Amino acid sequence: RRRRLARVVDAFYQHVWATAYRVTGNAADAADIT
């Protein structure tokens, strides 16, 4: 459900963005990937 996904995003956003940033080395690409 969308509300549950919002909770997932709240819980895992930093993890996903940080992982994407480590992989790409680029904040814009990390944001797109997230």
PDB file of all heavy atoms in Angstrom:
ATOM      1  N   ARG A   1       0.863  -1.172   0.000  1.00  0.00           N
ATOM      2  CA  ARG A   1       0.000   0.000   0.000  1.00  0.00           C
ATOM      3  C   ARG A   1       0.905   1.228   0.000  1.00  0.00           C
ATOM      4  O   ARG A   1       2.012   1.212   0.522  1.00  0.00           O
ATOM      5  CB  ARG A   1      -0.895   0.051   1.247  1.00  0.00           C
ATOM      6  CG  ARG A   1      -1.862  -1.108   1.376  1.00  0.00           C
ATOM      7  CD  ARG A   1      -2.975  -0.999   0.333  1.00  0.00           C
ATOM      8  NE  ARG A   1      -3.943  -2.048   0.461  1.00  0.00           N
ATOM      9  CZ  ARG A   1      -3.972  -3.161  -0.278  1.00  0.00           C
ATOM     10  NH1 ARG A   1      -3.048  -3.376  -1.166  1.00  0.00           N
ATOM     11  NH2 ARG A   1      -4.918  -4.050  -0.117  1.00  0.00           N
ATOM     12  N   ARG A   2       0.396   2.317  -0.539  1.00  0.00           N
ATOM     13  CA  ARG A   2       1.223   3.530  -0.636  1.00  0.00           C
ATOM     14  C   ARG A   2       1.653   4.051   0.731  1.00  0.00           C
ATOM     15  O   ARG A   2       2.772   4.506   0.900  1.00  0.00           O
ATOM     16  CB  ARG A   2       0.491   4.611  -1.419  1.00  0.00           C
ATOM     17  CG  ARG A   2       0.431   4.265  -2.889  1.00  0.00           C
ATOM     18  CD  ARG A   2      -0.254   5.330  -3.682  1.00  0.00           C
ATOM     19  NE  ARG A   2      -0.451   4.828  -5.036  1.00  0.00           N
ATOM     20  CZ  ARG A   2      -0.199   5.538  -6.111  1.00  0.00           C
ATOM     21  NH1 ARG A   2       0.231   6.763  -6.015  1.00  0.00           N
ATOM     22  NH2 ARG A   2      -0.394   5.021  -7.297  1.00  0.00           N
ATOM     23  N   ARG A   3       0.777   4.014   1.693  1.00  0.00           N
ATOM     24  CA  ARG A   3       1.147   4.493   3.031  1.00  0.00           C
ATOM     25  C   ARG A   3       2.257   3.638   3.624  1.00  0.00           C
ATOM     26  O   ARG A   3       3.153   4.146   4.286  1.00  0.00           O
ATOM     27  CB  ARG A   3      -0.057   4.502   3.961  1.00  0.00           C
ATOM     28  CG  ARG A   3      -1.001   5.620   3.667  1.00  0.00           C
ATOM     29  CD  ARG A   3      -2.090   5.693   4.682  1.00  0.00           C
ATOM     30  NE  ARG A   3      -3.020   6.742   4.313  1.00  0.00           N
ATOM     31  CZ  ARG A   3      -4.209   6.877   4.819  1.00  0.00           C
ATOM     32  NH1 ARG A   3      -4.629   6.051   5.753  1.00  0.00           N
ATOM     33  NH2 ARG A   3      -4.996   7.851   4.428  1.00  0.00           N
ATOM     34  N   ARG A   4       2.172   2.339   3.386  1.00  0.00           N
ATOM     35  CA  ARG A   4       3.228   1.457   3.880  1.00  0.00           C
ATOM     36  C   ARG A   4       4.534   1.719   3.144  1.00  0.00           C
ATOM     37  O   ARG A   4       5.600   1.653   3.741  1.00  0.00           O
ATOM     38  CB  ARG A   4       2.817   0.003   3.748  1.00  0.00           C
ATOM     39  CG  ARG A   4       1.735  -0.387   4.720  1.00  0.00           C
ATOM     40  CD  ARG A   4       1.390  -1.834   4.647  1.00  0.00           C
ATOM     41  NE  ARG A   4       0.381  -2.154   5.651  1.00  0.00           N
ATOM     42  CZ  ARG A   4      -0.039  -3.362   5.908  1.00  0.00           C
ATOM     43  NH1 ARG A   4       0.452  -4.384   5.246  1.00  0.00           N
ATOM     44  NH2 ARG A   4      -0.958  -3.559   6.827  1.00  0.00           N
ATOM     45  N   LEU A   5       4.442   2.031   1.861  1.00  0.00           N
ATOM     46  CA  LEU A   5       5.650   2.355   1.114  1.00  0.00           C
ATOM     47  C   LEU A   5       6.272   3.638   1.666  1.00  0.00           C
ATOM     48  O   LEU A   5       7.498   3.743   1.765  1.00  0.00           O
ATOM     49  CB  LEU A   5       5.375   2.506  -0.385  1.00  0.00           C
ATOM     50  CG  LEU A   5       6.602   2.881  -1.221  1.00  0.00           C
ATOM     51  CD1 LEU A   5       7.665   1.794  -1.159  1.00  0.00           C
ATOM     52  CD2 LEU A   5       6.202   3.151  -2.662  1.00  0.00           C
ATOM     53  N   ALA A   6       5.447   4.592   2.042  1.00  0.00           N
ATOM     54  CA  ALA A   6       5.977   5.828   2.631  1.00  0.00           C
ATOM     55  C   ALA A   6       6.779   5.514   3.887  1.00  0.00           C
ATOM     56  O   ALA A   6       7.834   6.121   4.127  1.00  0.00           O
ATOM     57  CB  ALA A   6       4.835   6.799   2.943  1.00  0.00           C
ATOM     58  N   ARG A   7       6.316   4.562   4.675  1.00  0.00           N
ATOM     59  CA  ARG A   7       7.069   4.161   5.868  1.00  0.00           C
ATOM     60  C   ARG A   7       8.388   3.480   5.481  1.00  0.00           C
ATOM     61  O   ARG A   7       9.411   3.682   6.138  1.00  0.00           O
ATOM     62  CB  ARG A   7       6.220   3.232   6.737  1.00  0.00           C
ATOM     63  CG  ARG A   7       5.048   3.941   7.373  1.00  0.00           C
ATOM     64  CD  ARG A   7       4.264   3.019   8.303  1.00  0.00           C
ATOM     65  NE  ARG A   7       2.995   3.619   8.612  1.00  0.00           N
ATOM     66  CZ  ARG A   7       1.817   3.121   8.220  1.00  0.00           C
ATOM     67  NH1 ARG A   7       1.752   1.999   7.546  1.00  0.00           N
ATOM     68  NH2 ARG A   7       0.703   3.749   8.537  1.00  0.00           N
ATOM     69  N   VAL A   8       8.349   2.673   4.422  1.00  0.00           N
ATOM     70  CA  VAL A   8       9.572   2.025   3.935  1.00  0.00           C
ATOM     71  C   VAL A   8      10.570   3.092   3.494  1.00  0.00           C
ATOM     72  O   VAL A   8      11.758   3.019   3.810  1.00  0.00           O
ATOM     73  CB  VAL A   8       9.256   1.044   2.784  1.00  0.00           C
ATOM     74  CG1 VAL A   8      10.531   0.569   2.096  1.00  0.00           C
ATOM     75  CG2 VAL A   8       8.459  -0.142   3.301  1.00  0.00           C
ATOM     76  N   VAL A   9      10.086   4.092   2.754  1.00  0.00           N
ATOM     77  CA  VAL A   9      10.965   5.162   2.294  1.00  0.00           C
ATOM     78  C   VAL A   9      11.571   5.883   3.497  1.00  0.00           C
ATOM     79  O   VAL A   9      12.785   6.143   3.528  1.00  0.00           O
ATOM     80  CB  VAL A   9      10.208   6.152   1.374  1.00  0.00           C
ATOM     81  CG1 VAL A   9      11.051   7.372   1.082  1.00  0.00           C
ATOM     82  CG2 VAL A   9       9.786   5.453   0.082  1.00  0.00           C
ATOM     83  N   ASP A  10      10.759   6.187   4.500  1.00  0.00           N
ATOM     84  CA  ASP A  10      11.278   6.842   5.711  1.00  0.00           C
ATOM     85  C   ASP A  10      12.360   5.992   6.385  1.00  0.00           C
ATOM     86  O   ASP A  10      13.378   6.506   6.835  1.00  0.00           O
ATOM     87  CB  ASP A  10      10.157   7.118   6.716  1.00  0.00           C
ATOM     88  CG  ASP A  10       9.241   8.248   6.287  1.00  0.00           C
ATOM     89  OD1 ASP A  10       9.650   9.050   5.421  1.00  0.00           O
ATOM     90  OD2 ASP A  10       8.112   8.319   6.819  1.00  0.00           O
ATOM     91  N   ALA A  11      12.126   4.683   6.433  1.00  0.00           N
ATOM     92  CA  ALA A  11      13.051   3.799   7.144  1.00  0.00           C
ATOM     93  C   ALA A  11      14.340   3.531   6.367  1.00  0.00           C
ATOM     94  O   ALA A  11      15.401   3.348   6.973  1.00  0.00           O
ATOM     95  CB  ALA A  11      12.346   2.475   7.451  1.00  0.00           C
ATOM     96  N   PHE A  12      14.267   3.521   5.037  1.00  0.00           N
ATOM     97  CA  PHE A  12      15.418   3.069   4.256  1.00  0.00           C
ATOM     98  C   PHE A  12      16.012   4.118   3.313  1.00  0.00           C
ATOM     99  O   PHE A  12      16.972   3.823   2.611  1.00  0.00           O
ATOM    100  CB  PHE A  12      15.036   1.836   3.423  1.00  0.00           C
ATOM    101  CG  PHE A  12      14.840   0.605   4.255  1.00  0.00           C
ATOM    102  CD1 PHE A  12      13.565   0.222   4.645  1.00  0.00           C
ATOM    103  CD2 PHE A  12      15.925  -0.160   4.655  1.00  0.00           C
ATOM    104  CE1 PHE A  12      13.378  -0.911   5.411  1.00  0.00           C
ATOM    105  CE2 PHE A  12      15.747  -1.284   5.421  1.00  0.00           C
ATOM    106  CZ  PHE A  12      14.469  -1.664   5.814  1.00  0.00           C
ATOM    107  N   TYR A  13      15.472   5.316   3.311  1.00  0.00           N
ATOM    108  CA  TYR A  13      15.961   6.326   2.373  1.00  0.00           C
ATOM    109  C   TYR A  13      17.463   6.571   2.529  1.00  0.00           C
ATOM    110  O   TYR A  13      18.211   6.565   1.546  1.00  0.00           O
ATOM    111  CB  TYR A  13      15.193   7.642   2.534  1.00  0.00           C
ATOM    112  CG  TYR A  13      15.697   8.707   1.590  1.00  0.00           C
ATOM    113  CD1 TYR A  13      15.224   8.763   0.289  1.00  0.00           C
ATOM    114  CD2 TYR A  13      16.679   9.614   1.978  1.00  0.00           C
ATOM    115  CE1 TYR A  13      15.708   9.711  -0.603  1.00  0.00           C
ATOM    116  CE2 TYR A  13      17.160  10.560   1.106  1.00  0.00           C
ATOM    117  CZ  TYR A  13      16.674  10.608  -0.183  1.00  0.00           C
ATOM    118  OH  TYR A  13      17.171  11.538  -1.065  1.00  0.00           O
ATOM    119  N   GLN A  14      17.920   6.810   3.739  1.00  0.00           N
ATOM    120  CA  GLN A  14      19.345   7.104   3.965  1.00  0.00           C
ATOM    121  C   GLN A  14      20.222   5.944   3.515  1.00  0.00           C
ATOM    122  O   GLN A  14      21.274   6.150   2.913  1.00  0.00           O
ATOM    123  CB  GLN A  14      19.609   7.436   5.440  1.00  0.00           C
ATOM    124  CG  GLN A  14      19.088   8.779   5.856  1.00  0.00           C
ATOM    125  CD  GLN A  14      19.727   9.920   5.063  1.00  0.00           C
ATOM    126  OE1 GLN A  14      20.903   9.890   4.721  1.00  0.00           O
ATOM    127  NE2 GLN A  14      18.934  10.921   4.742  1.00  0.00           N
ATOM    128  N   HIS A  15      19.795   4.728   3.800  1.00  0.00           N
ATOM    129  CA  HIS A  15      20.565   3.544   3.392  1.00  0.00           C
ATOM    130  C   HIS A  15      20.674   3.466   1.872  1.00  0.00           C
ATOM    131  O   HIS A  15      21.765   3.268   1.331  1.00  0.00           O
ATOM    132  CB  HIS A  15      19.905   2.276   3.945  1.00  0.00           C
ATOM    133  CG  HIS A  15      20.435   1.020   3.358  1.00  0.00           C
ATOM    134  ND1 HIS A  15      21.703   0.542   3.632  1.00  0.00           N
ATOM    135  CD2 HIS A  15      19.889   0.145   2.475  1.00  0.00           C
ATOM    136  CE1 HIS A  15      21.902  -0.576   2.957  1.00  0.00           C
ATOM    137  NE2 HIS A  15      20.812  -0.832   2.252  1.00  0.00           N
ATOM    138  N   VAL A  16      19.556   3.639   1.182  1.00  0.00           N
ATOM    139  CA  VAL A  16      19.551   3.538  -0.282  1.00  0.00           C
ATOM    140  C   VAL A  16      20.376   4.663  -0.892  1.00  0.00           C
ATOM    141  O   VAL A  16      21.211   4.432  -1.773  1.00  0.00           O
ATOM    142  CB  VAL A  16      18.103   3.537  -0.828  1.00  0.00           C
ATOM    143  CG1 VAL A  16      18.085   3.632  -2.339  1.00  0.00           C
ATOM    144  CG2 VAL A  16      17.372   2.278  -0.367  1.00  0.00           C
ATOM    145  N   TRP A  17      20.173   5.891  -0.410  1.00  0.00           N
ATOM    146  CA  TRP A  17      20.914   7.017  -0.984  1.00  0.00           C
ATOM    147  C   TRP A  17      22.412   6.866  -0.727  1.00  0.00           C
ATOM    148  O   TRP A  17      23.227   7.087  -1.622  1.00  0.00           O
ATOM    149  CB  TRP A  17      20.420   8.343  -0.413  1.00  0.00           C
ATOM    150  CG  TRP A  17      20.993   9.499  -1.159  1.00  0.00           C
ATOM    151  CD1 TRP A  17      20.455  10.115  -2.238  1.00  0.00           C
ATOM    152  CD2 TRP A  17      22.240  10.172  -0.912  1.00  0.00           C
ATOM    153  NE1 TRP A  17      21.288  11.128  -2.684  1.00  0.00           N
ATOM    154  CE2 TRP A  17      22.387  11.174  -1.886  1.00  0.00           C
ATOM    155  CE3 TRP A  17      23.237  10.016   0.030  1.00  0.00           C
ATOM    156  CZ2 TRP A  17      23.492  12.015  -1.935  1.00  0.00           C
ATOM    157  CZ3 TRP A  17      24.336  10.860  -0.015  1.00  0.00           C
ATOM    158  CH2 TRP A  17      24.453  11.853  -0.988  1.00  0.00           C
ATOM    159  N   ALA A  18      22.801   6.495   0.487  1.00  0.00           N
ATOM    160  CA  ALA A  18      24.226   6.349   0.813  1.00  0.00           C
ATOM    161  C   ALA A  18      24.859   5.242  -0.028  1.00  0.00           C
ATOM    162  O   ALA A  18      25.987   5.384  -0.514  1.00  0.00           O
ATOM    163  CB  ALA A  18      24.398   6.056   2.305  1.00  0.00           C
ATOM    164  N   THR A  19      24.139   4.153  -0.231  1.00  0.00           N
ATOM    165  CA  THR A  19      24.655   3.070  -1.061  1.00  0.00           C
ATOM    166  C   THR A  19      24.822   3.545  -2.499  1.00  0.00           C
ATOM    167  O   THR A  19      25.849   3.298  -3.140  1.00  0.00           O
ATOM    168  CB  THR A  19      23.711   1.848  -1.009  1.00  0.00           C
ATOM    169  OG1 THR A  19      23.544   1.451   0.355  1.00  0.00           O
ATOM    170  CG2 THR A  19      24.263   0.692  -1.808  1.00  0.00           C
ATOM    171  N   ALA A  20      23.832   4.240  -2.994  1.00  0.00           N
ATOM    172  CA  ALA A  20      23.904   4.751  -4.368  1.00  0.00           C
ATOM    173  C   ALA A  20      25.048   5.746  -4.522  1.00  0.00           C
ATOM    174  O   ALA A  20      25.765   5.743  -5.530  1.00  0.00           O
ATOM    175  CB  ALA A  20      22.577   5.398  -4.763  1.00  0.00           C
ATOM    176  N   TYR A  21      25.252   6.569  -3.514  1.00  0.00           N
ATOM    177  CA  TYR A  21      26.342   7.547  -3.579  1.00  0.00           C
ATOM    178  C   TYR A  21      27.702   6.846  -3.569  1.00  0.00           C
ATOM    179  O   TYR A  21      28.603   7.226  -4.301  1.00  0.00           O
ATOM    180  CB  TYR A  21      26.234   8.543  -2.428  1.00  0.00           C
ATOM    181  CG  TYR A  21      27.248   9.651  -2.539  1.00  0.00           C
ATOM    182  CD1 TYR A  21      27.067  10.695  -3.442  1.00  0.00           C
ATOM    183  CD2 TYR A  21      28.406   9.656  -1.761  1.00  0.00           C
ATOM    184  CE1 TYR A  21      27.997  11.711  -3.563  1.00  0.00           C
ATOM    185  CE2 TYR A  21      29.338  10.664  -1.877  1.00  0.00           C
ATOM    186  CZ  TYR A  21      29.132  11.689  -2.786  1.00  0.00           C
ATOM    187  OH  TYR A  21      30.057  12.682  -2.916  1.00  0.00           O
ATOM    188  N   ARG A  22      27.826   5.809  -2.738  1.00  0.00           N
ATOM    189  CA  ARG A  22      29.089   5.063  -2.707  1.00  0.00           C
ATOM    190  C   ARG A  22      29.358   4.386  -4.046  1.00  0.00           C
ATOM    191  O   ARG A  22      30.489   4.333  -4.506  1.00  0.00           O
ATOM    192  CB  ARG A  22      29.076   4.018  -1.593  1.00  0.00           C
ATOM    193  CG  ARG A  22      29.365   4.587  -0.227  1.00  0.00           C
ATOM    194  CD  ARG A  22      29.627   3.502   0.812  1.00  0.00           C
ATOM    195  NE  ARG A  22      28.574   2.512   0.936  1.00  0.00           N
ATOM    196  CZ  ARG A  22      27.503   2.646   1.709  1.00  0.00           C
ATOM    197  NH1 ARG A  22      27.339   3.747   2.422  1.00  0.00           N
ATOM    198  NH2 ARG A  22      26.603   1.699   1.767  1.00  0.00           N
ATOM    199  N   VAL A  23      28.323   3.892  -4.686  1.00  0.00           N
ATOM    200  CA  VAL A  23      28.490   3.185  -5.957  1.00  0.00           C
ATOM    201  C   VAL A  23      28.794   4.154  -7.093  1.00  0.00           C
ATOM    202  O   VAL A  23      29.643   3.883  -7.941  1.00  0.00           O
ATOM    203  CB  VAL A  23      27.232   2.352  -6.284  1.00  0.00           C
ATOM    204  CG1 VAL A  23      27.269   1.797  -7.685  1.00  0.00           C
ATOM    205  CG2 VAL A  23      27.076   1.221  -5.278  1.00  0.00           C
ATOM    206  N   THR A  24      28.111   5.299  -7.120  1.00  0.00           N
ATOM    207  CA  THR A  24      28.261   6.224  -8.248  1.00  0.00           C
ATOM    208  C   THR A  24      29.257   7.342  -7.987  1.00  0.00           C
ATOM    209  O   THR A  24      29.858   7.859  -8.928  1.00  0.00           O
ATOM    210  CB  THR A  24      26.917   6.878  -8.615  1.00  0.00           C
ATOM    211  OG1 THR A  24      26.464   7.679  -7.507  1.00  0.00           O
ATOM    212  CG2 THR A  24      25.878   5.844  -8.974  1.00  0.00           C
ATOM    213  N   GLY A  25      29.396   7.758  -6.734  1.00  0.00           N
ATOM    214  CA  GLY A  25      30.263   8.880  -6.409  1.00  0.00           C
ATOM    215  C   GLY A  25      29.685  10.218  -6.833  1.00  0.00           C
ATOM    216  O   GLY A  25      30.380  11.221  -6.899  1.00  0.00           O
ATOM    217  N   ASN A  26      28.399  10.245  -7.112  1.00  0.00           N
ATOM    218  CA  ASN A  26      27.758  11.439  -7.648  1.00  0.00           C
ATOM    219  C   ASN A  26      26.403  11.609  -6.961  1.00  0.00           C
ATOM    220  O   ASN A  26      25.556  10.716  -7.023  1.00  0.00           O
ATOM    221  CB  ASN A  26      27.598  11.255  -9.161  1.00  0.00           C
ATOM    222  CG  ASN A  26      26.935  12.406  -9.844  1.00  0.00           C
ATOM    223  OD1 ASN A  26      26.000  13.005  -9.320  1.00  0.00           O
ATOM    224  ND2 ASN A  26      27.393  12.707 -11.042  1.00  0.00           N
ATOM    225  N   ALA A  27      26.177  12.757  -6.343  1.00  0.00           N
ATOM    226  CA  ALA A  27      24.932  12.983  -5.598  1.00  0.00           C
ATOM    227  C   ALA A  27      23.708  12.988  -6.511  1.00  0.00           C
ATOM    228  O   ALA A  27      22.654  12.463  -6.142  1.00  0.00           O
ATOM    229  CB  ALA A  27      25.015  14.290  -4.820  1.00  0.00           C
ATOM    230  N   ALA A  28      23.824  13.565  -7.703  1.00  0.00           N
ATOM    231  CA  ALA A  28      22.675  13.615  -8.623  1.00  0.00           C
ATOM    232  C   ALA A  28      22.297  12.204  -9.080  1.00  0.00           C
ATOM    233  O   ALA A  28      21.110  11.847  -9.097  1.00  0.00           O
ATOM    234  CB  ALA A  28      22.992  14.499  -9.818  1.00  0.00           C
ATOM    235  N   ASP A  29      23.286  11.402  -9.432  1.00  0.00           N
ATOM    236  CA  ASP A  29      23.003  10.026  -9.838  1.00  0.00           C
ATOM    237  C   ASP A  29      22.450   9.221  -8.661  1.00  0.00           C
ATOM    238  O   ASP A  29      21.542   8.401  -8.830  1.00  0.00           O
ATOM    239  CB  ASP A  29      24.259   9.346 -10.386  1.00  0.00           C
ATOM    240  CG  ASP A  29      24.670   9.871 -11.745  1.00  0.00           C
ATOM    241  OD1 ASP A  29      23.829  10.519 -12.411  1.00  0.00           O
ATOM    242  OD2 ASP A  29      25.830   9.643 -12.146  1.00  0.00           O
ATOM    243  N   ALA A  30      22.988   9.460  -7.470  1.00  0.00           N
ATOM    244  CA  ALA A  30      22.490   8.767  -6.281  1.00  0.00           C
ATOM    245  C   ALA A  30      21.020   9.099  -6.041  1.00  0.00           C
ATOM    246  O   ALA A  30      20.221   8.212  -5.724  1.00  0.00           O
ATOM    247  CB  ALA A  30      23.330   9.133  -5.063  1.00  0.00           C
ATOM    248  N   ALA A  31      20.654  10.350  -6.220  1.00  0.00           N
ATOM    249  CA  ALA A  31      19.253  10.747  -6.037  1.00  0.00           C
ATOM    250  C   ALA A  31      18.364  10.087  -7.075  1.00  0.00           C
ATOM    251  O   ALA A  31      17.263   9.600  -6.754  1.00  0.00           O
ATOM    252  CB  ALA A  31      19.127  12.267  -6.102  1.00  0.00           C
ATOM    253  N   ASP A  32      18.815  10.051  -8.333  1.00  0.00           N
ATOM    254  CA  ASP A  32      18.033   9.400  -9.391  1.00  0.00           C
ATOM    255  C   ASP A  32      17.853   7.913  -9.107  1.00  0.00           C
ATOM    256  O   ASP A  32      16.759   7.361  -9.262  1.00  0.00           O
ATOM    257  CB  ASP A  32      18.703   9.580 -10.753  1.00  0.00           C
ATOM    258  CG  ASP A  32      18.627  11.002 -11.274  1.00  0.00           C
ATOM    259  OD1 ASP A  32      17.808  11.793 -10.751  1.00  0.00           O
ATOM    260  OD2 ASP A  32      19.395  11.321 -12.203  1.00  0.00           O
ATOM    261  N   ILE A  33      18.925   7.268  -8.716  1.00  0.00           N
ATOM    262  CA  ILE A  33      18.863   5.834  -8.429  1.00  0.00           C
ATOM    263  C   ILE A  33      17.948   5.568  -7.239  1.00  0.00           C
ATOM    264  O   ILE A  33      17.151   4.628  -7.260  1.00  0.00           O
ATOM    265  CB  ILE A  33      20.281   5.269  -8.192  1.00  0.00           C
ATOM    266  CG1 ILE A  33      21.044   5.244  -9.526  1.00  0.00           C
ATOM    267  CG2 ILE A  33      20.233   3.887  -7.567  1.00  0.00           C
ATOM    268  CD1 ILE A  33      22.511   4.927  -9.390  1.00  0.00           C
ATOM    269  N   THR A  34      18.041   6.397  -6.209  1.00  0.00           N
ATOM    270  CA  THR A  34      17.183   6.238  -5.033  1.00  0.00           C
ATOM    271  C   THR A  34      15.716   6.329  -5.432  1.00  0.00           C
ATOM    272  O   THR A  34      14.889   5.499  -5.031  1.00  0.00           O
ATOM    273  CB  THR A  34      17.520   7.304  -3.975  1.00  0.00           C
ATOM    274  OG1 THR A  34      18.896   7.152  -3.605  1.00  0.00           O
ATOM    275  CG2 THR A  34      16.641   7.178  -2.757  1.00  0.00           C
TER     276      THR A  34
END
